[in-house]
C-alpha atoms as a PDB file:
ATOM      1  CA  ALA A   1      39.309  28.657   6.322  1.00  0.00           C
ATOM      2  CA  ARG A   2      36.872  27.968   8.452  1.00  0.00           C
ATOM      3  CA  THR A   3      34.041  30.001   6.655  1.00  0.00           C
ATOM      4  CA  ARG A   4      34.329  28.107   4.396  1.00  0.00           C
ATOM      5  CA  ARG A   5      34.949  25.198   5.747  1.00  0.00           C
ATOM      6  CA  ALA A   6      31.206  26.358   7.158  1.00  0.00           C
ATOM      7  CA  ALA A   7      30.020  26.698   3.844  1.00  0.00           C
ATOM      8  CA  THR A   8      31.626  23.695   2.910  1.00  0.00           C
ATOM      9  CA  MET A   9      29.854  21.592   5.831  1.00  0.00           C
ATOM     10  CA  MET A  10      26.087  23.410   5.057  1.00  0.00           C
ATOM     11  CA  SER A  11      26.490  22.855   1.141  1.00  0.00           C
ATOM     12  CA  MET A  12      26.882  19.185   2.877  1.00  0.00           C
ATOM     13  CA  GLU A  13      23.664  18.900   4.925  1.00  0.00           C
ATOM     14  CA  ALA A  14      21.153  20.689   3.125  1.00  0.00           C
ATOM     15  CA  ALA A  15      22.852  17.969  -0.356  1.00  0.00           C
ATOM     16  CA  LYS A  16      22.226  15.914   2.944  1.00  0.00           C
ATOM     17  CA  ALA A  17      18.217  17.104   3.073  1.00  0.00           C
ATOM     18  CA  LYS A  18      17.716  17.226  -1.048  1.00  0.00           C
ATOM     19  CA  ALA A  19      18.022  13.687  -1.504  1.00  0.00           C
ATOM     20  CA  LYS A  20      16.220  12.795   1.627  1.00  0.00           C
ATOM     21  CA  GLU A  21      13.401  14.873   0.651  1.00  0.00           C
ATOM     22  CA  GLN A  22      13.783  13.019  -3.075  1.00  0.00           C
ATOM     23  CA  ILE A  23      13.676   9.558  -1.524  1.00  0.00           C
ATOM     24  CA  GLU A  24      10.470  10.851   0.650  1.00  0.00           C
ATOM     25  CA  ALA A  25       9.253  11.977  -2.646  1.00  0.00           C
ATOM     26  CA  GLN A  26       9.885   8.400  -4.641  1.00  0.00           C
ATOM     27  CA  LEU A  27       8.193   7.051  -1.884  1.00  0.00           C
ATOM     28  CA  GLY A  28       5.159   8.524  -2.488  1.00  0.00           C
ATOM     29  CA  GLU A  29       4.010   8.421  -6.127  1.00  0.00           C
ATOM     30  CA  GLN A  30       5.354   4.138  -5.387  1.00  0.00           C
ATOM     31  CA  ALA A  31       2.990   4.035  -2.122  1.00  0.00           C
ATOM     32  CA  PRO A  32      -0.072   1.738  -2.689  1.00  0.00           C
ATOM     33  CA  ARG A  33      -3.182   4.247  -1.937  1.00  0.00           C
ATOM     34  CA  PRO A  34      -3.918   2.731   1.047  1.00  0.00           C
ATOM     35  CA  LEU A  35      -0.997   3.203   2.642  1.00  0.00           C
ATOM     36  CA  LYS A  36      -0.965   6.750   1.979  1.00  0.00           C
ATOM     37  CA  MET A  37      -3.564   7.038   4.401  1.00  0.00           C
ATOM     38  CA  LEU A  38      -1.189   5.957   7.067  1.00  0.00           C
ATOM     39  CA  PHE A  39       1.956   9.431   6.685  1.00  0.00           C
ATOM     40  CA  PRO A  40       0.421  11.128   8.268  1.00  0.00           C
ATOM     41  CA  CYS A  41       0.195   8.934  11.078  1.00  0.00           C
ATOM     42  CA  CYS A  42       3.202   7.098  10.940  1.00  0.00           C
ATOM     43  CA  GLY A  43       5.565   9.514  10.177  1.00  0.00           C
ATOM     44  CA  GLY A  44       5.659  10.208   6.820  1.00  0.00           C
ATOM     45  CA  PRO A  45       6.578   8.077   3.523  1.00  0.00           C
ATOM     46  CA  VAL A  46       9.738   6.239   4.276  1.00  0.00           C
ATOM     47  CA  LYS A  47       8.771   5.313   7.781  1.00  0.00           C
ATOM     48  CA  THR A  48       4.994   3.976   6.773  1.00  0.00           C
ATOM     49  CA  MET A  49       6.327   1.659   3.834  1.00  0.00           C
ATOM     50  CA  GLU A  50       9.168   0.553   6.102  1.00  0.00           C
ATOM     51  CA  THR A  51       6.196  -0.439   8.794  1.00  0.00           C
ATOM     52  CA  CYS A  52       3.888  -2.032   6.578  1.00  0.00           C
ATOM     53  CA  MET A  53       6.341  -3.656   4.454  1.00  0.00           C
ATOM     54  CA  CYS A  54       3.524  -6.025   3.859  1.00  0.00           C
ATOM     55  CA  ALA A  55       1.749  -3.929   1.335  1.00  0.00           C
ATOM     56  CA  VAL A  56       3.874  -2.835  -0.678  1.00  0.00           C
ATOM     57  CA  PRO A  57       3.246  -5.529  -4.121  1.00  0.00           C
ATOM     58  CA  ALA A  58       6.118  -8.218  -4.228  1.00  0.00           C
ATOM     59  CA  ASP A  59       7.740  -6.462  -7.893  1.00  0.00           C
ATOM     60  CA  GLN A  60       8.446  -3.127  -5.828  1.00  0.00           C
ATOM     61  CA  GLN A  61       9.621  -4.741  -2.152  1.00  0.00           C
ATOM     62  CA  ASP A  62      13.191  -4.736  -3.681  1.00  0.00           C
ATOM     63  CA  GLN A  63      13.517  -0.867  -4.185  1.00  0.00           C
ATOM     64  CA  VAL A  64      11.705   0.189  -1.643  1.00  0.00           C
ATOM     65  CA  LYS A  65      14.189  -0.774   0.702  1.00  0.00           C
ATOM     66  CA  LYS A  66      16.849   0.032  -1.212  1.00  0.00           C
ATOM     67  CA  ALA A  67      15.855   3.304  -1.034  1.00  0.00           C
ATOM     68  CA  ILE A  68      14.628   3.499   2.623  1.00  0.00           C
ATOM     69  CA  GLU A  69      18.658   1.860   3.794  1.00  0.00           C
ATOM     70  CA  LYS A  70      19.724   5.113   1.328  1.00  0.00           C
ATOM     71  CA  TYR A  71      17.343   7.287   3.152  1.00  0.00           C
ATOM     72  CA  LYS A  72      18.713   5.650   6.721  1.00  0.00           C
ATOM     73  CA  SER A  73      22.457   6.022   5.415  1.00  0.00           C
ATOM     74  CA  THR A  74      22.001  10.040   4.277  1.00  0.00           C
END
């Protein structure tokens, strides 16, 4: 029973990690070109986009905010 539970926990963690990677990739693609240069300084696409939300086009801000919230909740 312990082995199954451990395997389930590991698969859940792997699924969370994969979801976070997908969100990072999505935000990395959506980011305006000038923001991409800041990824290494700000801690990656998610933190950069959150910090520099004013540089994200207005029509994309809601979508970006939802992705960031999903990233944080996983």
